[in-house]
C-alpha cells in the first residue's frame, strides 16, 4: 500500500501535469523559495495551512487533495 505522504506528493504532481502548472508558477503564486515545491512534491515538509492553499489554488477541496481516490 502506498503511504499517505507519497500519495499527496503524487497528487500534486498530477494536478500540475493535468493543468500545465509549472513549479515556477507555484512558487511565485505562494511566494516561497523555488526548492519548496520539490519538498512538497516529495512530501518532505508541508504544513496543513499550505495544503489548504494548494487545494484552493487548484480549485479542489482539501479532502480531494489529501484523500486516496
PDB file of N, CA and C in Angstrom:
ATOM      1  N   UNK A   1       0.848  -1.183   0.000  1.00  0.00           N
ATOM      2  CA  UNK A   1       0.000   0.000   0.000  1.00  0.00           C
ATOM      3  C   UNK A   1       0.894   1.247   0.000  1.00  0.00           C
ATOM      4  N   UNK A   2       0.493   2.229  -0.754  1.00  0.00           N
ATOM      5  CA  UNK A   2       1.223   3.491  -0.860  1.00  0.00           C
ATOM      6  C   UNK A   2       0.971   4.338   0.390  1.00  0.00           C
ATOM      7  N   UNK A   3       1.998   4.989   0.896  1.00  0.00           N
ATOM      8  CA  UNK A   3       1.822   5.806   2.096  1.00  0.00           C
ATOM      9  C   UNK A   3       1.061   7.085   1.757  1.00  0.00           C
ATOM     10  N   UNK A   4       0.425   7.647   2.748  1.00  0.00           N
ATOM     11  CA  UNK A   4      -0.364   8.877   2.566  1.00  0.00           C
ATOM     12  C   UNK A   4       0.509  10.012   2.054  1.00  0.00           C
ATOM     13  N   UNK A   5       1.707  10.173   2.588  1.00  0.00           N
ATOM     14  CA  UNK A   5       2.546  11.283   2.163  1.00  0.00           C
ATOM     15  C   UNK A   5       2.975  11.124   0.707  1.00  0.00           C
ATOM     16  N   UNK A   6       3.283   9.907   0.289  1.00  0.00           N
ATOM     17  CA  UNK A   6       3.647   9.674  -1.109  1.00  0.00           C
ATOM     18  C   UNK A   6       2.456   9.975  -1.997  1.00  0.00           C
ATOM     19  N   UNK A   7       1.261   9.586  -1.565  1.00  0.00           N
ATOM     20  CA  UNK A   7       0.057   9.851  -2.346  1.00  0.00           C
ATOM     21  C   UNK A   7      -0.155  11.347  -2.557  1.00  0.00           C
ATOM     22  N   UNK A   8       0.006  12.142  -1.524  1.00  0.00           N
ATOM     23  CA  UNK A   8      -0.218  13.584  -1.644  1.00  0.00           C
ATOM     24  C   UNK A   8       0.806  14.204  -2.590  1.00  0.00           C
ATOM     25  N   UNK A   9       2.043  13.775  -2.495  1.00  0.00           N
ATOM     26  CA  UNK A   9       3.061  14.265  -3.415  1.00  0.00           C
ATOM     27  C   UNK A   9       2.720  13.915  -4.853  1.00  0.00           C
ATOM     28  N   UNK A  10       2.247  12.687  -5.073  1.00  0.00           N
ATOM     29  CA  UNK A  10       1.845  12.262  -6.416  1.00  0.00           C
ATOM     30  C   UNK A  10       0.629  13.054  -6.894  1.00  0.00           C
ATOM     31  N   UNK A  11      -0.288  13.321  -5.989  1.00  0.00           N
ATOM     32  CA  UNK A  11      -1.474  14.114  -6.342  1.00  0.00           C
ATOM     33  C   UNK A  11      -1.056  15.508  -6.811  1.00  0.00           C
ATOM     34  N   UNK A  12      -0.109  16.131  -6.118  1.00  0.00           N
ATOM     35  CA  UNK A  12       0.374  17.444  -6.521  1.00  0.00           C
ATOM     36  C   UNK A  12       1.020  17.374  -7.899  1.00  0.00           C
ATOM     37  N   UNK A  13       1.853  16.372  -8.132  1.00  0.00           N
ATOM     38  CA  UNK A  13       2.484  16.213  -9.453  1.00  0.00           C
ATOM     39  C   UNK A  13       1.431  16.042 -10.540  1.00  0.00           C
ATOM     40  N   UNK A  14       0.404  15.247 -10.262  1.00  0.00           N
ATOM     41  CA  UNK A  14      -0.662  15.005 -11.241  1.00  0.00           C
ATOM     42  C   UNK A  14      -1.467  16.279 -11.524  1.00  0.00           C
ATOM     43  N   UNK A  15      -1.785  17.023 -10.479  1.00  0.00           N
ATOM     44  CA  UNK A  15      -2.508  18.283 -10.671  1.00  0.00           C
ATOM     45  C   UNK A  15      -1.695  19.240 -11.531  1.00  0.00           C
ATOM     46  N   UNK A  16      -0.409  19.328 -11.240  1.00  0.00           N
ATOM     47  CA  UNK A  16       0.454  20.202 -12.036  1.00  0.00           C
ATOM     48  C   UNK A  16       0.480  19.745 -13.488  1.00  0.00           C
ATOM     49  N   UNK A  17       0.648  18.467 -13.703  1.00  0.00           N
ATOM     50  CA  UNK A  17       0.717  17.931 -15.065  1.00  0.00           C
ATOM     51  C   UNK A  17      -0.607  18.148 -15.816  1.00  0.00           C
ATOM     52  N   UNK A  18      -1.702  17.788 -15.175  1.00  0.00           N
ATOM     53  CA  UNK A  18      -3.008  17.880 -15.835  1.00  0.00           C
ATOM     54  C   UNK A  18      -3.419  19.311 -16.155  1.00  0.00           C
ATOM     55  N   UNK A  19      -2.932  20.250 -15.360  1.00  0.00           N
ATOM     56  CA  UNK A  19      -3.327  21.654 -15.549  1.00  0.00           C
ATOM     57  C   UNK A  19      -2.189  22.518 -16.085  1.00  0.00           C
ATOM     58  N   UNK A  20      -1.121  21.854 -16.481  1.00  0.00           N
ATOM     59  CA  UNK A  20       0.039  22.552 -17.062  1.00  0.00           C
ATOM     60  C   UNK A  20       0.553  23.675 -16.160  1.00  0.00           C
ATOM     61  N   UNK A  21       0.729  23.361 -14.891  1.00  0.00           N
ATOM     62  CA  UNK A  21       1.231  24.324 -13.911  1.00  0.00           C
ATOM     63  C   UNK A  21       2.677  23.947 -13.587  1.00  0.00           C
ATOM     64  N   UNK A  22       3.582  24.867 -13.801  1.00  0.00           N
ATOM     65  CA  UNK A  22       4.994  24.602 -13.530  1.00  0.00           C
ATOM     66  C   UNK A  22       5.331  24.846 -12.063  1.00  0.00           C
ATOM     67  N   UNK A  23       6.476  24.315 -11.650  1.00  0.00           N
ATOM     68  CA  UNK A  23       6.961  24.605 -10.300  1.00  0.00           C
ATOM     69  C   UNK A  23       7.143  26.110 -10.125  1.00  0.00           C
ATOM     70  N   UNK A  24       7.656  26.770 -11.152  1.00  0.00           N
ATOM     71  CA  UNK A  24       7.880  28.210 -11.071  1.00  0.00           C
ATOM     72  C   UNK A  24       6.565  28.951 -10.810  1.00  0.00           C
ATOM     73  N   UNK A  25       5.509  28.550 -11.499  1.00  0.00           N
ATOM     74  CA  UNK A  25       4.205  29.196 -11.271  1.00  0.00           C
ATOM     75  C   UNK A  25       3.741  29.005  -9.832  1.00  0.00           C
ATOM     76  N   UNK A  26       3.979  27.823  -9.281  1.00  0.00           N
ATOM     77  CA  UNK A  26       3.574  27.579  -7.897  1.00  0.00           C
ATOM     78  C   UNK A  26       4.390  28.395  -6.912  1.00  0.00           C
ATOM     79  N   UNK A  27       5.724  28.407  -7.084  1.00  0.00           N
ATOM     80  CA  UNK A  27       6.491  29.167  -6.088  1.00  0.00           C
ATOM     81  C   UNK A  27       6.223  30.644  -6.192  1.00  0.00           C
ATOM     82  N   UNK A  28       5.881  31.125  -7.377  1.00  0.00           N
ATOM     83  CA  UNK A  28       5.517  32.541  -7.492  1.00  0.00           C
ATOM     84  C   UNK A  28       4.139  32.798  -6.871  1.00  0.00           C
ATOM     85  N   UNK A  29       3.193  31.891  -7.093  1.00  0.00           N
ATOM     86  CA  UNK A  29       1.842  32.055  -6.540  1.00  0.00           C
ATOM     87  C   UNK A  29       1.847  32.035  -5.011  1.00  0.00           C
ATOM     88  N   UNK A  30       2.718  31.207  -4.440  1.00  0.00           N
ATOM     89  CA  UNK A  30       2.742  31.053  -2.988  1.00  0.00           C
ATOM     90  C   UNK A  30       3.875  31.825  -2.325  1.00  0.00           C
ATOM     91  N   UNK A  31       4.660  32.517  -3.133  1.00  0.00           N
ATOM     92  CA  UNK A  31       5.756  33.331  -2.604  1.00  0.00           C
ATOM     93  C   UNK A  31       6.676  32.523  -1.680  1.00  0.00           C
ATOM     94  N   UNK A  32       7.120  31.383  -2.206  1.00  0.00           N
ATOM     95  CA  UNK A  32       8.034  30.518  -1.458  1.00  0.00           C
ATOM     96  C   UNK A  32       9.298  30.301  -2.283  1.00  0.00           C
ATOM     97  N   UNK A  33      10.386  29.886  -1.655  1.00  0.00           N
ATOM     98  CA  UNK A  33      11.605  29.591  -2.414  1.00  0.00           C
ATOM     99  C   UNK A  33      11.350  28.476  -3.428  1.00  0.00           C
ATOM    100  N   UNK A  34      12.062  28.506  -4.540  1.00  0.00           N
ATOM    101  CA  UNK A  34      11.818  27.548  -5.614  1.00  0.00           C
ATOM    102  C   UNK A  34      11.996  26.089  -5.180  1.00  0.00           C
ATOM    103  N   UNK A  35      12.873  25.816  -4.253  1.00  0.00           N
ATOM    104  CA  UNK A  35      13.071  24.426  -3.826  1.00  0.00           C
ATOM    105  C   UNK A  35      11.946  23.916  -2.920  1.00  0.00           C
ATOM    106  N   UNK A  36      11.101  24.811  -2.459  1.00  0.00           N
ATOM    107  CA  UNK A  36       9.985  24.407  -1.592  1.00  0.00           C
ATOM    108  C   UNK A  36       9.008  23.500  -2.335  1.00  0.00           C
ATOM    109  N   UNK A  37       8.780  23.761  -3.611  1.00  0.00           N
ATOM    110  CA  UNK A  37       7.848  22.946  -4.391  1.00  0.00           C
ATOM    111  C   UNK A  37       8.344  21.498  -4.454  1.00  0.00           C
ATOM    112  N   UNK A  38       9.627  21.313  -4.666  1.00  0.00           N
ATOM    113  CA  UNK A  38      10.184  19.954  -4.685  1.00  0.00           C
ATOM    114  C   UNK A  38       9.990  19.273  -3.340  1.00  0.00           C
ATOM    115  N   UNK A  39      10.146  20.014  -2.280  1.00  0.00           N
ATOM    116  CA  UNK A  39       9.924  19.451  -0.940  1.00  0.00           C
ATOM    117  C   UNK A  39       8.480  18.983  -0.805  1.00  0.00           C
ATOM    118  N   UNK A  40       7.547  19.764  -1.321  1.00  0.00           N
ATOM    119  CA  UNK A  40       6.133  19.377  -1.257  1.00  0.00           C
ATOM    120  C   UNK A  40       5.885  18.143  -2.110  1.00  0.00           C
ATOM    121  N   UNK A  41       6.443  18.147  -3.318  1.00  0.00           N
ATOM    122  CA  UNK A  41       6.192  17.035  -4.235  1.00  0.00           C
ATOM    123  C   UNK A  41       6.747  15.724  -3.705  1.00  0.00           C
ATOM    124  N   UNK A  42       7.798  15.795  -2.919  1.00  0.00           N
ATOM    125  CA  UNK A  42       8.367  14.590  -2.324  1.00  0.00           C
ATOM    126  C   UNK A  42       7.994  14.471  -0.855  1.00  0.00           C
ATOM    127  N   UNK A  43       7.035  15.315  -0.443  1.00  0.00           N
ATOM    128  CA  UNK A  43       6.434  15.303   0.889  1.00  0.00           C
ATOM    129  C   UNK A  43       7.456  15.286   2.014  1.00  0.00           C
ATOM    130  N   UNK A  44       8.482  16.080   1.845  1.00  0.00           N
ATOM    131  CA  UNK A  44       9.471  16.203   2.913  1.00  0.00           C
ATOM    132  C   UNK A  44       9.002  17.184   3.974  1.00  0.00           C
ATOM    133  N   UNK A  45       8.102  18.079   3.598  1.00  0.00           N
ATOM    134  CA  UNK A  45       7.615  19.061   4.562  1.00  0.00           C
ATOM    135  C   UNK A  45       6.475  19.855   3.939  1.00  0.00           C
ATOM    136  N   UNK A  46       5.269  19.690   4.455  1.00  0.00           N
ATOM    137  CA  UNK A  46       4.140  20.510   4.015  1.00  0.00           C
ATOM    138  C   UNK A  46       3.214  20.724   5.205  1.00  0.00           C
ATOM    139  N   UNK A  47       2.986  21.972   5.527  1.00  0.00           N
ATOM    140  CA  UNK A  47       2.081  22.302   6.621  1.00  0.00           C
ATOM    141  C   UNK A  47       0.637  22.189   6.131  1.00  0.00           C
ATOM    142  N   UNK A  48      -0.256  21.928   7.060  1.00  0.00           N
ATOM    143  CA  UNK A  48      -1.670  21.826   6.735  1.00  0.00           C
ATOM    144  C   UNK A  48      -2.171  23.106   6.079  1.00  0.00           C
ATOM    145  N   UNK A  49      -1.731  24.247   6.567  1.00  0.00           N
ATOM    146  CA  UNK A  49      -2.180  25.521   6.001  1.00  0.00           C
ATOM    147  C   UNK A  49      -1.775  25.632   4.527  1.00  0.00           C
ATOM    148  N   UNK A  50      -0.614  25.102   4.178  1.00  0.00           N
ATOM    149  CA  UNK A  50      -0.182  25.142   2.785  1.00  0.00           C
ATOM    150  C   UNK A  50      -0.975  24.148   1.942  1.00  0.00           C
ATOM    151  N   UNK A  51      -1.288  22.990   2.492  1.00  0.00           N
ATOM    152  CA  UNK A  51      -2.118  22.021   1.770  1.00  0.00           C
ATOM    153  C   UNK A  51      -3.478  22.636   1.446  1.00  0.00           C
ATOM    154  N   UNK A  52      -4.021  23.398   2.370  1.00  0.00           N
ATOM    155  CA  UNK A  52      -5.304  24.077   2.145  1.00  0.00           C
ATOM    156  C   UNK A  52      -5.164  25.078   1.011  1.00  0.00           C
ATOM    157  N   UNK A  53      -4.092  25.857   1.019  1.00  0.00           N
ATOM    158  CA  UNK A  53      -3.871  26.860  -0.031  1.00  0.00           C
ATOM    159  C   UNK A  53      -3.643  26.214  -1.400  1.00  0.00           C
ATOM    160  N   UNK A  54      -2.937  25.103  -1.421  1.00  0.00           N
ATOM    161  CA  UNK A  54      -2.713  24.392  -2.687  1.00  0.00           C
ATOM    162  C   UNK A  54      -4.043  23.879  -3.239  1.00  0.00           C
ATOM    163  N   UNK A  55      -4.862  23.320  -2.374  1.00  0.00           N
ATOM    164  CA  UNK A  55      -6.176  22.840  -2.808  1.00  0.00           C
ATOM    165  C   UNK A  55      -7.000  23.989  -3.392  1.00  0.00           C
ATOM    166  N   UNK A  56      -7.005  25.121  -2.725  1.00  0.00           N
ATOM    167  CA  UNK A  56      -7.723  26.293  -3.229  1.00  0.00           C
ATOM    168  C   UNK A  56      -7.175  26.730  -4.578  1.00  0.00           C
ATOM    169  N   UNK A  57      -5.862  26.751  -4.710  1.00  0.00           N
ATOM    170  CA  UNK A  57      -5.213  27.167  -5.957  1.00  0.00           C
ATOM    171  C   UNK A  57      -5.697  26.313  -7.132  1.00  0.00           C
ATOM    172  N   UNK A  58      -5.822  25.012  -6.898  1.00  0.00           N
ATOM    173  CA  UNK A  58      -6.246  24.104  -7.957  1.00  0.00           C
ATOM    174  C   UNK A  58      -7.769  23.951  -8.031  1.00  0.00           C
ATOM    175  N   UNK A  59      -8.490  24.637  -7.160  1.00  0.00           N
ATOM    176  CA  UNK A  59      -9.952  24.612  -7.215  1.00  0.00           C
ATOM    177  C   UNK A  59     -10.560  23.298  -6.772  1.00  0.00           C
ATOM    178  N   UNK A  60      -9.898  22.648  -5.814  1.00  0.00           N
ATOM    179  CA  UNK A  60     -10.419  21.403  -5.265  1.00  0.00           C
ATOM    180  C   UNK A  60     -10.518  21.550  -3.752  1.00  0.00           C
ATOM    181  N   UNK A  61     -11.235  20.622  -3.131  1.00  0.00           N
ATOM    182  CA  UNK A  61     -11.340  20.659  -1.682  1.00  0.00           C
ATOM    183  C   UNK A  61     -10.089  20.037  -1.054  1.00  0.00           C
ATOM    184  N   UNK A  62      -9.874  20.328   0.198  1.00  0.00           N
ATOM    185  CA  UNK A  62      -8.763  19.710   0.917  1.00  0.00           C
ATOM    186  C   UNK A  62      -8.937  18.192   0.923  1.00  0.00           C
ATOM    187  N   UNK A  63     -10.161  17.734   1.107  1.00  0.00           N
ATOM    188  CA  UNK A  63     -10.425  16.293   1.073  1.00  0.00           C
ATOM    189  C   UNK A  63      -9.990  15.680  -0.252  1.00  0.00           C
ATOM    190  N   UNK A  64     -10.314  16.339  -1.356  1.00  0.00           N
ATOM    191  CA  UNK A  64      -9.910  15.833  -2.670  1.00  0.00           C
ATOM    192  C   UNK A  64      -8.393  15.779  -2.800  1.00  0.00           C
ATOM    193  N   UNK A  65      -7.723  16.740  -2.196  1.00  0.00           N
ATOM    194  CA  UNK A  65      -6.268  16.803  -2.288  1.00  0.00           C
ATOM    195  C   UNK A  65      -5.593  15.727  -1.442  1.00  0.00           C
ATOM    196  N   UNK A  66      -6.059  15.506  -0.242  1.00  0.00           N
ATOM    197  CA  UNK A  66      -5.339  14.613   0.668  1.00  0.00           C
ATOM    198  C   UNK A  66      -5.885  13.194   0.765  1.00  0.00           C
ATOM    199  N   UNK A  67      -7.088  12.950   0.273  1.00  0.00           N
ATOM    200  CA  UNK A  67      -7.659  11.608   0.402  1.00  0.00           C
ATOM    201  C   UNK A  67      -7.334  10.732  -0.793  1.00  0.00           C
ATOM    202  N   UNK A  68      -7.194   9.444  -0.517  1.00  0.00           N
ATOM    203  CA  UNK A  68      -6.987   8.456  -1.574  1.00  0.00           C
ATOM    204  C   UNK A  68      -8.190   8.460  -2.495  1.00  0.00           C
ATOM    205  N   UNK A  69      -7.957   8.180  -3.755  1.00  0.00           N
ATOM    206  CA  UNK A  69      -9.080   8.099  -4.707  1.00  0.00           C
ATOM    207  C   UNK A  69      -9.626   6.708  -4.746  1.00  0.00           C
TER     208      UNK A  69
END
